Structures are given as C-alpha cells and as structure tokens.
Amino acid sequence: MELLVASAIGILTAAGIYLMLRLRTFPVILGISLLTYAVNVFLFASGRLTVGAPPVLRDDMTVYADPLPQALVLTAIVISFGMTAVVVMIGLGAFLGSNDDHVDDQPAGSEDRT
C-alpha cells in the first residue's frame, strides 16, 4: 500500500510541475491544484497508514491513527480551496483585461529597450 501511495504522490507532483511550466493561465491553476493534492496526500500518509484504527487511544486499544495529520490535511483542503478561488479570479481578470491567457503576456508595442 505504501508503494501505491508513494507512486500517487510522485505522479501528482510530476503532473503538477509539468502543468505549472505551461504558458497558459488555466494549466498553471490546475498544476497548483495538483501540487496541493500531492502535499495533502503526503501529509496524510505521514501519520502512518492504518485501516480501521480509531484516531484516539483508549485503554483497550493498542493501535491508533495519528489525528494530527488528519487535522492538518483538513485545514490544508480548506486553505487550498480558498486560494484556488483567488487564483481563478485573478486569472479571469487578467484574461478579460487582455483577451489572452498567456502567463508572460506583455502589452502590445512594449519591447525591451535596454
């Protein structure tokens, strides 16, 4: 199971970096989202992958799941949702302002005169 989770983290990271290197706004936003998903899965896996274990240790339990990574992932999901909404609005505003969604778009007629 650890190999499957590690492979999923690697694939999400690679796809996120690839999409972030594109020169369009929407693939960059998707790349950032994939990277946040990769970080969330990594944080969740850092708390030991246990199936069917309670998150709180009681007297009769010997195996439990660490609740701290679960709380961190829940907080990260909320933060990433808010940041994705902000980035989408910034990208939409840039697209509507210039009718182009290139990330490194320069205004017409402005050349580097150094």
PDB file of N, CA and C in Angstrom:
ATOM      1  N   MET A   1       0.814  -1.187   0.000  1.00  0.00           N
ATOM      2  CA  MET A   1       0.000   0.000   0.000  1.00  0.00           C
ATOM      3  C   MET A   1       0.867   1.264   0.000  1.00  0.00           C
ATOM      4  N   GLU A   2       2.018   1.191   0.676  1.00  0.00           N
ATOM      5  CA  GLU A   2       2.906   2.354   0.715  1.00  0.00           C
ATOM      6  C   GLU A   2       3.441   2.688  -0.666  1.00  0.00           C
ATOM      7  N   LEU A   3       3.723   1.645  -1.469  1.00  0.00           N
ATOM      8  CA  LEU A   3       4.218   1.875  -2.832  1.00  0.00           C
ATOM      9  C   LEU A   3       3.158   2.570  -3.684  1.00  0.00           C
ATOM     10  N   LEU A   4       1.910   2.187  -3.518  1.00  0.00           N
ATOM     11  CA  LEU A   4       0.821   2.819  -4.263  1.00  0.00           C
ATOM     12  C   LEU A   4       0.665   4.295  -3.879  1.00  0.00           C
ATOM     13  N   VAL A   5       0.722   4.592  -2.604  1.00  0.00           N
ATOM     14  CA  VAL A   5       0.584   5.980  -2.147  1.00  0.00           C
ATOM     15  C   VAL A   5       1.785   6.811  -2.587  1.00  0.00           C
ATOM     16  N   ALA A   6       2.988   6.242  -2.484  1.00  0.00           N
ATOM     17  CA  ALA A   6       4.187   6.969  -2.919  1.00  0.00           C
ATOM     18  C   ALA A   6       4.156   7.219  -4.424  1.00  0.00           C
ATOM     19  N   SER A   7       3.679   6.247  -5.193  1.00  0.00           N
ATOM     20  CA  SER A   7       3.555   6.440  -6.641  1.00  0.00           C
ATOM     21  C   SER A   7       2.527   7.513  -6.969  1.00  0.00           C
ATOM     22  N   ALA A   8       1.424   7.521  -6.252  1.00  0.00           N
ATOM     23  CA  ALA A   8       0.397   8.546  -6.478  1.00  0.00           C
ATOM     24  C   ALA A   8       0.937   9.936  -6.155  1.00  0.00           C
ATOM     25  N   ILE A   9       1.701  10.052  -5.085  1.00  0.00           N
ATOM     26  CA  ILE A   9       2.292  11.345  -4.732  1.00  0.00           C
ATOM     27  C   ILE A   9       3.267  11.787  -5.818  1.00  0.00           C
ATOM     28  N   GLY A  10       4.086  10.870  -6.312  1.00  0.00           N
ATOM     29  CA  GLY A  10       5.039  11.200  -7.367  1.00  0.00           C
ATOM     30  C   GLY A  10       4.371  11.614  -8.658  1.00  0.00           C
ATOM     31  N   ILE A  11       3.312  10.900  -9.038  1.00  0.00           N
ATOM     32  CA  ILE A  11       2.598  11.224 -10.280  1.00  0.00           C
ATOM     33  C   ILE A  11       1.904  12.580 -10.157  1.00  0.00           C
ATOM     34  N   LEU A  12       1.258  12.835  -9.019  1.00  0.00           N
ATOM     35  CA  LEU A  12       0.606  14.130  -8.815  1.00  0.00           C
ATOM     36  C   LEU A  12       1.615  15.276  -8.832  1.00  0.00           C
ATOM     37  N   THR A  13       2.775  15.056  -8.220  1.00  0.00           N
ATOM     38  CA  THR A  13       3.799  16.097  -8.201  1.00  0.00           C
ATOM     39  C   THR A  13       4.345  16.362  -9.595  1.00  0.00           C
ATOM     40  N   ALA A  14       4.650  15.291 -10.326  1.00  0.00           N
ATOM     41  CA  ALA A  14       5.190  15.454 -11.682  1.00  0.00           C
ATOM     42  C   ALA A  14       4.186  16.143 -12.601  1.00  0.00           C
ATOM     43  N   ALA A  15       2.937  15.736 -12.534  1.00  0.00           N
ATOM     44  CA  ALA A  15       1.915  16.363 -13.377  1.00  0.00           C
ATOM     45  C   ALA A  15       1.695  17.816 -12.974  1.00  0.00           C
ATOM     46  N   GLY A  16       1.736  18.109 -11.678  1.00  0.00           N
ATOM     47  CA  GLY A  16       1.570  19.485 -11.221  1.00  0.00           C
ATOM     48  C   GLY A  16       2.705  20.382 -11.669  1.00  0.00           C
ATOM     49  N   ILE A  17       3.933  19.896 -11.599  1.00  0.00           N
ATOM     50  CA  ILE A  17       5.069  20.703 -12.050  1.00  0.00           C
ATOM     51  C   ILE A  17       5.015  20.899 -13.558  1.00  0.00           C
ATOM     52  N   TYR A  18       4.663  19.851 -14.302  1.00  0.00           N
ATOM     53  CA  TYR A  18       4.549  19.979 -15.757  1.00  0.00           C
ATOM     54  C   TYR A  18       3.511  21.036 -16.133  1.00  0.00           C
ATOM     55  N   LEU A  19       2.364  20.993 -15.485  1.00  0.00           N
ATOM     56  CA  LEU A  19       1.315  21.954 -15.804  1.00  0.00           C
ATOM     57  C   LEU A  19       1.677  23.368 -15.351  1.00  0.00           C
ATOM     58  N   MET A  20       2.426  23.489 -14.278  1.00  0.00           N
ATOM     59  CA  MET A  20       2.832  24.829 -13.837  1.00  0.00           C
ATOM     60  C   MET A  20       3.830  25.468 -14.792  1.00  0.00           C
ATOM     61  N   LEU A  21       4.543  24.672 -15.564  1.00  0.00           N
ATOM     62  CA  LEU A  21       5.513  25.214 -16.515  1.00  0.00           C
ATOM     63  C   LEU A  21       4.887  25.592 -17.853  1.00  0.00           C
ATOM     64  N   ARG A  22       3.598  25.383 -18.006  1.00  0.00           N
ATOM     65  CA  ARG A  22       2.911  25.787 -19.229  1.00  0.00           C
ATOM     66  C   ARG A  22       2.765  27.302 -19.245  1.00  0.00           C
ATOM     67  N   LEU A  23       2.491  27.877 -20.417  1.00  0.00           N
ATOM     68  CA  LEU A  23       2.401  29.327 -20.521  1.00  0.00           C
ATOM     69  C   LEU A  23       0.968  29.835 -20.614  1.00  0.00           C
ATOM     70  N   ARG A  24       0.026  29.043 -20.186  1.00  0.00           N
ATOM     71  CA  ARG A  24      -1.375  29.452 -20.151  1.00  0.00           C
ATOM     72  C   ARG A  24      -1.845  29.497 -18.707  1.00  0.00           C
ATOM     73  N   THR A  25      -2.851  30.311 -18.448  1.00  0.00           N
ATOM     74  CA  THR A  25      -3.304  30.509 -17.078  1.00  0.00           C
ATOM     75  C   THR A  25      -3.996  29.274 -16.506  1.00  0.00           C
ATOM     76  N   PHE A  26      -4.905  28.670 -17.251  1.00  0.00           N
ATOM     77  CA  PHE A  26      -5.685  27.552 -16.717  1.00  0.00           C
ATOM     78  C   PHE A  26      -4.818  26.330 -16.379  1.00  0.00           C
ATOM     79  N   PRO A  27      -3.870  25.912 -17.235  1.00  0.00           N
ATOM     80  CA  PRO A  27      -2.998  24.802 -16.825  1.00  0.00           C
ATOM     81  C   PRO A  27      -2.139  25.123 -15.598  1.00  0.00           C
ATOM     82  N   VAL A  28      -1.745  26.365 -15.432  1.00  0.00           N
ATOM     83  CA  VAL A  28      -0.979  26.740 -14.235  1.00  0.00           C
ATOM     84  C   VAL A  28      -1.844  26.576 -12.985  1.00  0.00           C
ATOM     85  N   ILE A  29      -3.105  26.967 -13.077  1.00  0.00           N
ATOM     86  CA  ILE A  29      -4.019  26.803 -11.944  1.00  0.00           C
ATOM     87  C   ILE A  29      -4.230  25.323 -11.638  1.00  0.00           C
ATOM     88  N   LEU A  30      -4.395  24.508 -12.678  1.00  0.00           N
ATOM     89  CA  LEU A  30      -4.533  23.062 -12.452  1.00  0.00           C
ATOM     90  C   LEU A  30      -3.266  22.465 -11.852  1.00  0.00           C
ATOM     91  N   GLY A  31      -2.099  22.944 -12.286  1.00  0.00           N
ATOM     92  CA  GLY A  31      -0.841  22.453 -11.735  1.00  0.00           C
ATOM     93  C   GLY A  31      -0.698  22.775 -10.259  1.00  0.00           C
ATOM     94  N   ILE A  32      -1.090  23.979  -9.879  1.00  0.00           N
ATOM     95  CA  ILE A  32      -1.043  24.350  -8.464  1.00  0.00           C
ATOM     96  C   ILE A  32      -2.000  23.470  -7.663  1.00  0.00           C
ATOM     97  N   SER A  33      -3.170  23.192  -8.216  1.00  0.00           N
ATOM     98  CA  SER A  33      -4.133  22.326  -7.527  1.00  0.00           C
ATOM     99  C   SER A  33      -3.590  20.911  -7.362  1.00  0.00           C
ATOM    100  N   LEU A  34      -2.948  20.376  -8.410  1.00  0.00           N
ATOM    101  CA  LEU A  34      -2.382  19.034  -8.308  1.00  0.00           C
ATOM    102  C   LEU A  34      -1.256  18.985  -7.278  1.00  0.00           C
ATOM    103  N   LEU A  35      -0.461  20.044  -7.209  1.00  0.00           N
ATOM    104  CA  LEU A  35       0.593  20.069  -6.190  1.00  0.00           C
ATOM    105  C   LEU A  35       0.017  20.122  -4.776  1.00  0.00           C
ATOM    106  N   THR A  36      -1.073  20.846  -4.587  1.00  0.00           N
ATOM    107  CA  THR A  36      -1.686  20.867  -3.259  1.00  0.00           C
ATOM    108  C   THR A  36      -2.273  19.501  -2.913  1.00  0.00           C
ATOM    109  N   TYR A  37      -2.837  18.798  -3.907  1.00  0.00           N
ATOM    110  CA  TYR A  37      -3.326  17.444  -3.645  1.00  0.00           C
ATOM    111  C   TYR A  37      -2.181  16.513  -3.270  1.00  0.00           C
ATOM    112  N   ALA A  38      -1.035  16.654  -3.942  1.00  0.00           N
ATOM    113  CA  ALA A  38       0.126  15.815  -3.631  1.00  0.00           C
ATOM    114  C   ALA A  38       0.610  16.075  -2.205  1.00  0.00           C
ATOM    115  N   VAL A  39       0.641  17.334  -1.809  1.00  0.00           N
ATOM    116  CA  VAL A  39       1.069  17.669  -0.446  1.00  0.00           C
ATOM    117  C   VAL A  39       0.067  17.141   0.572  1.00  0.00           C
ATOM    118  N   ASN A  40      -1.225  17.218   0.263  1.00  0.00           N
ATOM    119  CA  ASN A  40      -2.241  16.693   1.180  1.00  0.00           C
ATOM    120  C   ASN A  40      -2.108  15.186   1.359  1.00  0.00           C
ATOM    121  N   VAL A  41      -1.892  14.460   0.280  1.00  0.00           N
ATOM    122  CA  VAL A  41      -1.721  13.002   0.384  1.00  0.00           C
ATOM    123  C   VAL A  41      -0.446  12.677   1.154  1.00  0.00           C
ATOM    124  N   PHE A  42       0.626  13.459   0.921  1.00  0.00           N
ATOM    125  CA  PHE A  42       1.866  13.244   1.664  1.00  0.00           C
ATOM    126  C   PHE A  42       1.670  13.482   3.155  1.00  0.00           C
ATOM    127  N   LEU A  43       0.975  14.568   3.515  1.00  0.00           N
ATOM    128  CA  LEU A  43       0.713  14.833   4.930  1.00  0.00           C
ATOM    129  C   LEU A  43      -0.136  13.737   5.562  1.00  0.00           C
ATOM    130  N   PHE A  44      -1.128  13.271   4.815  1.00  0.00           N
ATOM    131  CA  PHE A  44      -1.994  12.219   5.338  1.00  0.00           C
ATOM    132  C   PHE A  44      -1.222  10.917   5.515  1.00  0.00           C
ATOM    133  N   ALA A  45      -0.328  10.615   4.581  1.00  0.00           N
ATOM    134  CA  ALA A  45       0.451   9.374   4.680  1.00  0.00           C
ATOM    135  C   ALA A  45       1.522   9.460   5.764  1.00  0.00           C
ATOM    136  N   SER A  46       1.885  10.659   6.164  1.00  0.00           N
ATOM    137  CA  SER A  46       2.917  10.795   7.195  1.00  0.00           C
ATOM    138  C   SER A  46       2.429  10.336   8.570  1.00  0.00           C
ATOM    139  N   GLY A  47       1.146  10.191   8.743  1.00  0.00           N
ATOM    140  CA  GLY A  47       0.597   9.758  10.023  1.00  0.00           C
ATOM    141  C   GLY A  47       0.385   8.268  10.105  1.00  0.00           C
ATOM    142  N   ARG A  48       1.156   7.483   9.409  1.00  0.00           N
ATOM    143  CA  ARG A  48       1.058   6.027   9.338  1.00  0.00           C
ATOM    144  C   ARG A  48      -0.277   5.616   8.727  1.00  0.00           C
ATOM    145  N   LEU A  49      -0.221   4.817   7.701  1.00  0.00           N
ATOM    146  CA  LEU A  49      -1.422   4.349   7.018  1.00  0.00           C
ATOM    147  C   LEU A  49      -1.984   3.143   7.763  1.00  0.00           C
ATOM    148  N   THR A  50      -3.013   3.370   8.537  1.00  0.00           N
ATOM    149  CA  THR A  50      -3.677   2.294   9.269  1.00  0.00           C
ATOM    150  C   THR A  50      -5.137   2.259   8.858  1.00  0.00           C
ATOM    151  N   VAL A  51      -5.651   1.060   8.685  1.00  0.00           N
ATOM    152  CA  VAL A  51      -7.034   0.884   8.243  1.00  0.00           C
ATOM    153  C   VAL A  51      -7.877   0.427   9.426  1.00  0.00           C
ATOM    154  N   GLY A  52      -8.968   1.135   9.683  1.00  0.00           N
ATOM    155  CA  GLY A  52      -9.905   0.740  10.723  1.00  0.00           C
ATOM    156  C   GLY A  52      -9.445   1.046  12.135  1.00  0.00           C
ATOM    157  N   ALA A  53      -8.422   1.867  12.310  1.00  0.00           N
ATOM    158  CA  ALA A  53      -7.942   2.202  13.642  1.00  0.00           C
ATOM    159  C   ALA A  53      -8.583   3.506  14.103  1.00  0.00           C
ATOM    160  N   PRO A  54      -8.930   3.598  15.378  1.00  0.00           N
ATOM    161  CA  PRO A  54      -9.537   4.842  15.870  1.00  0.00           C
ATOM    162  C   PRO A  54      -8.483   5.939  15.985  1.00  0.00           C
ATOM    163  N   PRO A  55      -8.886   7.213  15.863  1.00  0.00           N
ATOM    164  CA  PRO A  55      -7.918   8.305  15.963  1.00  0.00           C
ATOM    165  C   PRO A  55      -7.557   8.680  17.401  1.00  0.00           C
ATOM    166  N   VAL A  56      -8.191   8.063  18.382  1.00  0.00           N
ATOM    167  CA  VAL A  56      -7.929   8.391  19.784  1.00  0.00           C
ATOM    168  C   VAL A  56      -7.556   7.105  20.511  1.00  0.00           C
ATOM    169  N   LEU A  57      -6.504   7.156  21.304  1.00  0.00           N
ATOM    170  CA  LEU A  57      -6.041   5.989  22.058  1.00  0.00           C
ATOM    171  C   LEU A  57      -6.869   5.829  23.329  1.00  0.00           C
ATOM    172  N   ARG A  58      -7.436   4.637  23.470  1.00  0.00           N
ATOM    173  CA  ARG A  58      -8.188   4.315  24.679  1.00  0.00           C
ATOM    174  C   ARG A  58      -7.457   3.214  25.428  1.00  0.00           C
ATOM    175  N   ASP A  59      -7.993   2.822  26.564  1.00  0.00           N
ATOM    176  CA  ASP A  59      -7.321   1.826  27.401  1.00  0.00           C
ATOM    177  C   ASP A  59      -7.219   0.468  26.728  1.00  0.00           C
ATOM    178  N   ASP A  60      -8.259   0.047  26.002  1.00  0.00           N
ATOM    179  CA  ASP A  60      -8.252  -1.292  25.413  1.00  0.00           C
ATOM    180  C   ASP A  60      -7.678  -1.326  23.996  1.00  0.00           C
ATOM    181  N   MET A  61      -7.228  -0.218  23.467  1.00  0.00           N
ATOM    182  CA  MET A  61      -6.682  -0.161  22.109  1.00  0.00           C
ATOM    183  C   MET A  61      -5.154  -0.140  22.148  1.00  0.00           C
ATOM    184  N   THR A  62      -4.554  -0.837  21.213  1.00  0.00           N
ATOM    185  CA  THR A  62      -3.093  -0.803  21.106  1.00  0.00           C
ATOM    186  C   THR A  62      -2.634  -0.102  19.832  1.00  0.00           C
ATOM    187  N   VAL A  63      -3.482  -0.090  18.800  1.00  0.00           N
ATOM    188  CA  VAL A  63      -3.146   0.557  17.535  1.00  0.00           C
ATOM    189  C   VAL A  63      -4.124   1.708  17.317  1.00  0.00           C
ATOM    190  N   TYR A  64      -3.602   2.867  16.969  1.00  0.00           N
ATOM    191  CA  TYR A  64      -4.467   4.013  16.700  1.00  0.00           C
ATOM    192  C   TYR A  64      -3.859   4.828  15.570  1.00  0.00           C
ATOM    193  N   ALA A  65      -4.695   5.622  14.932  1.00  0.00           N
ATOM    194  CA  ALA A  65      -4.250   6.502  13.857  1.00  0.00           C
ATOM    195  C   ALA A  65      -3.907   7.863  14.460  1.00  0.00           C
ATOM    196  N   ASP A  66      -2.835   8.470  13.964  1.00  0.00           N
ATOM    197  CA  ASP A  66      -2.418   9.778  14.468  1.00  0.00           C
ATOM    198  C   ASP A  66      -3.404  10.838  13.982  1.00  0.00           C
ATOM    199  N   PRO A  67      -4.055  11.577  14.875  1.00  0.00           N
ATOM    200  CA  PRO A  67      -5.051  12.561  14.436  1.00  0.00           C
ATOM    201  C   PRO A  67      -4.451  13.867  13.913  1.00  0.00           C
ATOM    202  N   LEU A  68      -3.183  14.145  14.190  1.00  0.00           N
ATOM    203  CA  LEU A  68      -2.590  15.411  13.770  1.00  0.00           C
ATOM    204  C   LEU A  68      -2.502  15.545  12.246  1.00  0.00           C
ATOM    205  N   PRO A  69      -2.016  14.548  11.481  1.00  0.00           N
ATOM    206  CA  PRO A  69      -2.029  14.697  10.016  1.00  0.00           C
ATOM    207  C   PRO A  69      -3.433  14.841   9.446  1.00  0.00           C
ATOM    208  N   GLN A  70      -4.411  14.199  10.068  1.00  0.00           N
ATOM    209  CA  GLN A  70      -5.784  14.332   9.592  1.00  0.00           C
ATOM    210  C   GLN A  70      -6.273  15.764   9.767  1.00  0.00           C
ATOM    211  N   ALA A  71      -5.950  16.381  10.884  1.00  0.00           N
ATOM    212  CA  ALA A  71      -6.340  17.777  11.112  1.00  0.00           C
ATOM    213  C   ALA A  71      -5.587  18.716  10.172  1.00  0.00           C
ATOM    214  N   LEU A  72      -4.298  18.440   9.927  1.00  0.00           N
ATOM    215  CA  LEU A  72      -3.521  19.262   9.006  1.00  0.00           C
ATOM    216  C   LEU A  72      -4.073  19.183   7.584  1.00  0.00           C
ATOM    217  N   VAL A  73      -4.443  17.990   7.147  1.00  0.00           N
ATOM    218  CA  VAL A  73      -4.983  17.826   5.797  1.00  0.00           C
ATOM    219  C   VAL A  73      -6.330  18.521   5.679  1.00  0.00           C
ATOM    220  N   LEU A  74      -7.170  18.427   6.685  1.00  0.00           N
ATOM    221  CA  LEU A  74      -8.461  19.102   6.643  1.00  0.00           C
ATOM    222  C   LEU A  74      -8.280  20.610   6.551  1.00  0.00           C
ATOM    223  N   THR A  75      -7.347  21.158   7.300  1.00  0.00           N
ATOM    224  CA  THR A  75      -7.059  22.588   7.234  1.00  0.00           C
ATOM    225  C   THR A  75      -6.477  22.958   5.876  1.00  0.00           C
ATOM    226  N   ALA A  76      -5.581  22.129   5.345  1.00  0.00           N
ATOM    227  CA  ALA A  76      -4.963  22.403   4.043  1.00  0.00           C
ATOM    228  C   ALA A  76      -5.981  22.361   2.915  1.00  0.00           C
ATOM    229  N   ILE A  77      -6.973  21.494   3.003  1.00  0.00           N
ATOM    230  CA  ILE A  77      -8.018  21.426   1.981  1.00  0.00           C
ATOM    231  C   ILE A  77      -8.806  22.735   1.952  1.00  0.00           C
ATOM    232  N   VAL A  78      -9.161  23.245   3.107  1.00  0.00           N
ATOM    233  CA  VAL A  78      -9.918  24.499   3.174  1.00  0.00           C
ATOM    234  C   VAL A  78      -9.086  25.658   2.636  1.00  0.00           C
ATOM    235  N   ILE A  79      -7.820  25.721   3.021  1.00  0.00           N
ATOM    236  CA  ILE A  79      -6.957  26.804   2.557  1.00  0.00           C
ATOM    237  C   ILE A  79      -6.729  26.709   1.051  1.00  0.00           C
ATOM    238  N   SER A  80      -6.500  25.506   0.538  1.00  0.00           N
ATOM    239  CA  SER A  80      -6.255  25.357  -0.907  1.00  0.00           C
ATOM    240  C   SER A  80      -7.504  25.685  -1.721  1.00  0.00           C
ATOM    241  N   PHE A  81      -8.680  25.393  -1.184  1.00  0.00           N
ATOM    242  CA  PHE A  81      -9.905  25.762  -1.891  1.00  0.00           C
ATOM    243  C   PHE A  81     -10.031  27.276  -1.995  1.00  0.00           C
ATOM    244  N   GLY A  82      -9.757  27.971  -0.904  1.00  0.00           N
ATOM    245  CA  GLY A  82      -9.822  29.433  -0.927  1.00  0.00           C
ATOM    246  C   GLY A  82      -8.780  30.036  -1.853  1.00  0.00           C
ATOM    247  N   MET A  83      -7.563  29.508  -1.825  1.00  0.00           N
ATOM    248  CA  MET A  83      -6.504  30.037  -2.691  1.00  0.00           C
ATOM    249  C   MET A  83      -6.785  29.740  -4.157  1.00  0.00           C
ATOM    250  N   THR A  84      -7.369  28.588  -4.461  1.00  0.00           N
ATOM    251  CA  THR A  84      -7.732  28.279  -5.839  1.00  0.00           C
ATOM    252  C   THR A  84      -8.782  29.259  -6.342  1.00  0.00           C
ATOM    253  N   ALA A  85      -9.744  29.601  -5.493  1.00  0.00           N
ATOM    254  CA  ALA A  85     -10.757  30.581  -5.897  1.00  0.00           C
ATOM    255  C   ALA A  85     -10.132  31.944  -6.163  1.00  0.00           C
ATOM    256  N   VAL A  86      -9.173  32.353  -5.330  1.00  0.00           N
ATOM    257  CA  VAL A  86      -8.497  33.636  -5.544  1.00  0.00           C
ATOM    258  C   VAL A  86      -7.696  33.616  -6.846  1.00  0.00           C
ATOM    259  N   VAL A  87      -6.959  32.547  -7.098  1.00  0.00           N
ATOM    260  CA  VAL A  87      -6.132  32.464  -8.306  1.00  0.00           C
ATOM    261  C   VAL A  87      -7.010  32.413  -9.562  1.00  0.00           C
ATOM    262  N   VAL A  88      -8.140  31.724  -9.484  1.00  0.00           N
ATOM    263  CA  VAL A  88      -9.051  31.689 -10.642  1.00  0.00           C
ATOM    264  C   VAL A  88      -9.585  33.086 -10.928  1.00  0.00           C
ATOM    265  N   MET A  89      -9.930  33.838  -9.907  1.00  0.00           N
ATOM    266  CA  MET A  89     -10.428  35.195 -10.130  1.00  0.00           C
ATOM    267  C   MET A  89      -9.344  36.110 -10.687  1.00  0.00           C
ATOM    268  N   ILE A  90      -8.106  35.964 -10.219  1.00  0.00           N
ATOM    269  CA  ILE A  90      -7.006  36.759 -10.764  1.00  0.00           C
ATOM    270  C   ILE A  90      -6.761  36.394 -12.221  1.00  0.00           C
ATOM    271  N   GLY A  91      -6.772  35.103 -12.536  1.00  0.00           N
ATOM    272  CA  GLY A  91      -6.587  34.670 -13.923  1.00  0.00           C
ATOM    273  C   GLY A  91      -7.721  35.117 -14.823  1.00  0.00           C
ATOM    274  N   LEU A  92      -8.939  35.062 -14.319  1.00  0.00           N
ATOM    275  CA  LEU A  92     -10.084  35.522 -15.101  1.00  0.00           C
ATOM    276  C   LEU A  92     -10.010  37.019 -15.357  1.00  0.00           C
ATOM    277  N   GLY A  93      -9.600  37.778 -14.355  1.00  0.00           N
ATOM    278  CA  GLY A  93      -9.441  39.222 -14.534  1.00  0.00           C
ATOM    279  C   GLY A  93      -8.347  39.551 -15.536  1.00  0.00           C
ATOM    280  N   ALA A  94      -7.247  38.800 -15.515  1.00  0.00           N
ATOM    281  CA  ALA A  94      -6.165  39.026 -16.477  1.00  0.00           C
ATOM    282  C   ALA A  94      -6.614  38.664 -17.886  1.00  0.00           C
ATOM    283  N   PHE A  95      -7.405  37.601 -18.018  1.00  0.00           N
ATOM    284  CA  PHE A  95      -7.903  37.205 -19.342  1.00  0.00           C
ATOM    285  C   PHE A  95      -8.877  38.241 -19.887  1.00  0.00           C
ATOM    286  N   LEU A  96      -9.784  38.702 -19.049  1.00  0.00           N
ATOM    287  CA  LEU A  96     -10.764  39.687 -19.515  1.00  0.00           C
ATOM    288  C   LEU A  96     -10.115  41.038 -19.814  1.00  0.00           C
ATOM    289  N   GLY A  97      -9.005  41.344 -19.165  1.00  0.00           N
ATOM    290  CA  GLY A  97      -8.325  42.604 -19.395  1.00  0.00           C
ATOM    291  C   GLY A  97      -7.504  42.634 -20.667  1.00  0.00           C
ATOM    292  N   SER A  98      -7.018  41.485 -21.100  1.00  0.00           N
ATOM    293  CA  SER A  98      -6.128  41.471 -22.261  1.00  0.00           C
ATOM    294  C   SER A  98      -6.593  40.547 -23.382  1.00  0.00           C
ATOM    295  N   ASN A  99      -7.692  39.835 -23.210  1.00  0.00           N
ATOM    296  CA  ASN A  99      -8.205  38.861 -24.181  1.00  0.00           C
ATOM    297  C   ASN A  99      -7.162  37.811 -24.560  1.00  0.00           C
ATOM    298  N   ASP A 100      -6.277  37.485 -23.642  1.00  0.00           N
ATOM    299  CA  ASP A 100      -5.253  36.477 -23.863  1.00  0.00           C
ATOM    300  C   ASP A 100      -4.936  35.849 -22.515  1.00  0.00           C
ATOM    301  N   ASP A 101      -4.667  34.560 -22.507  1.00  0.00           N
ATOM    302  CA  ASP A 101      -4.398  33.909 -21.237  1.00  0.00           C
ATOM    303  C   ASP A 101      -2.954  33.436 -21.105  1.00  0.00           C
ATOM    304  N   HIS A 102      -2.040  34.080 -21.807  1.00  0.00           N
ATOM    305  CA  HIS A 102      -0.631  33.767 -21.618  1.00  0.00           C
ATOM    306  C   HIS A 102      -0.169  34.298 -20.267  1.00  0.00           C
ATOM    307  N   VAL A 103       0.676  33.539 -19.614  1.00  0.00           N
ATOM    308  CA  VAL A 103       1.155  33.939 -18.300  1.00  0.00           C
ATOM    309  C   VAL A 103       2.138  35.092 -18.408  1.00  0.00           C
ATOM    310  N   ASP A 104       3.014  35.061 -19.412  1.00  0.00           N
ATOM    311  CA  ASP A 104       4.039  36.093 -19.557  1.00  0.00           C
ATOM    312  C   ASP A 104       3.675  37.101 -20.642  1.00  0.00           C
ATOM    313  N   ASP A 105       2.412  37.452 -20.727  1.00  0.00           N
ATOM    314  CA  ASP A 105       1.932  38.358 -21.774  1.00  0.00           C
ATOM    315  C   ASP A 105       2.434  39.768 -21.507  1.00  0.00           C
ATOM    316  N   GLN A 106       2.950  40.419 -22.561  1.00  0.00           N
ATOM    317  CA  GLN A 106       3.388  41.804 -22.464  1.00  0.00           C
ATOM    318  C   GLN A 106       2.419  42.674 -23.244  1.00  0.00           C
ATOM    319  N   PRO A 107       2.245  43.905 -22.823  1.00  0.00           N
ATOM    320  CA  PRO A 107       1.368  44.803 -23.578  1.00  0.00           C
ATOM    321  C   PRO A 107       1.889  45.016 -24.993  1.00  0.00           C
ATOM    322  N   ALA A 108       0.981  45.283 -25.923  1.00  0.00           N
ATOM    323  CA  ALA A 108       1.358  45.470 -27.322  1.00  0.00           C
ATOM    324  C   ALA A 108       2.221  46.725 -27.471  1.00  0.00           C
ATOM    325  N   GLY A 109       3.295  46.616 -28.239  1.00  0.00           N
ATOM    326  CA  GLY A 109       4.165  47.753 -28.510  1.00  0.00           C
ATOM    327  C   GLY A 109       5.240  47.988 -27.469  1.00  0.00           C
ATOM    328  N   SER A 110       5.246  47.225 -26.391  1.00  0.00           N
ATOM    329  CA  SER A 110       6.297  47.409 -25.377  1.00  0.00           C
ATOM    330  C   SER A 110       7.370  46.368 -25.588  1.00  0.00           C
ATOM    331  N   GLU A 111       8.522  46.817 -26.012  1.00  0.00           N
ATOM    332  CA  GLU A 111       9.656  45.924 -26.199  1.00  0.00           C
ATOM    333  C   GLU A 111      10.718  46.269 -25.191  1.00  0.00           C
ATOM    334  N   ASP A 112      11.610  45.358 -25.005  1.00  0.00           N
ATOM    335  CA  ASP A 112      12.700  45.562 -24.081  1.00  0.00           C
ATOM    336  C   ASP A 112      13.705  46.526 -24.695  1.00  0.00           C
ATOM    337  N   ARG A 113      13.821  47.713 -24.148  1.00  0.00           N
ATOM    338  CA  ARG A 113      14.735  48.733 -24.708  1.00  0.00           C
ATOM    339  C   ARG A 113      15.896  48.982 -23.742  1.00  0.00           C
ATOM    340  N   THR A 114      16.614  47.962 -23.436  1.00  0.00           N
ATOM    341  CA  THR A 114      17.735  48.147 -22.508  1.00  0.00           C
ATOM    342  C   THR A 114      19.034  48.359 -23.222  1.00  0.00           C
TER     343      THR A 114
END
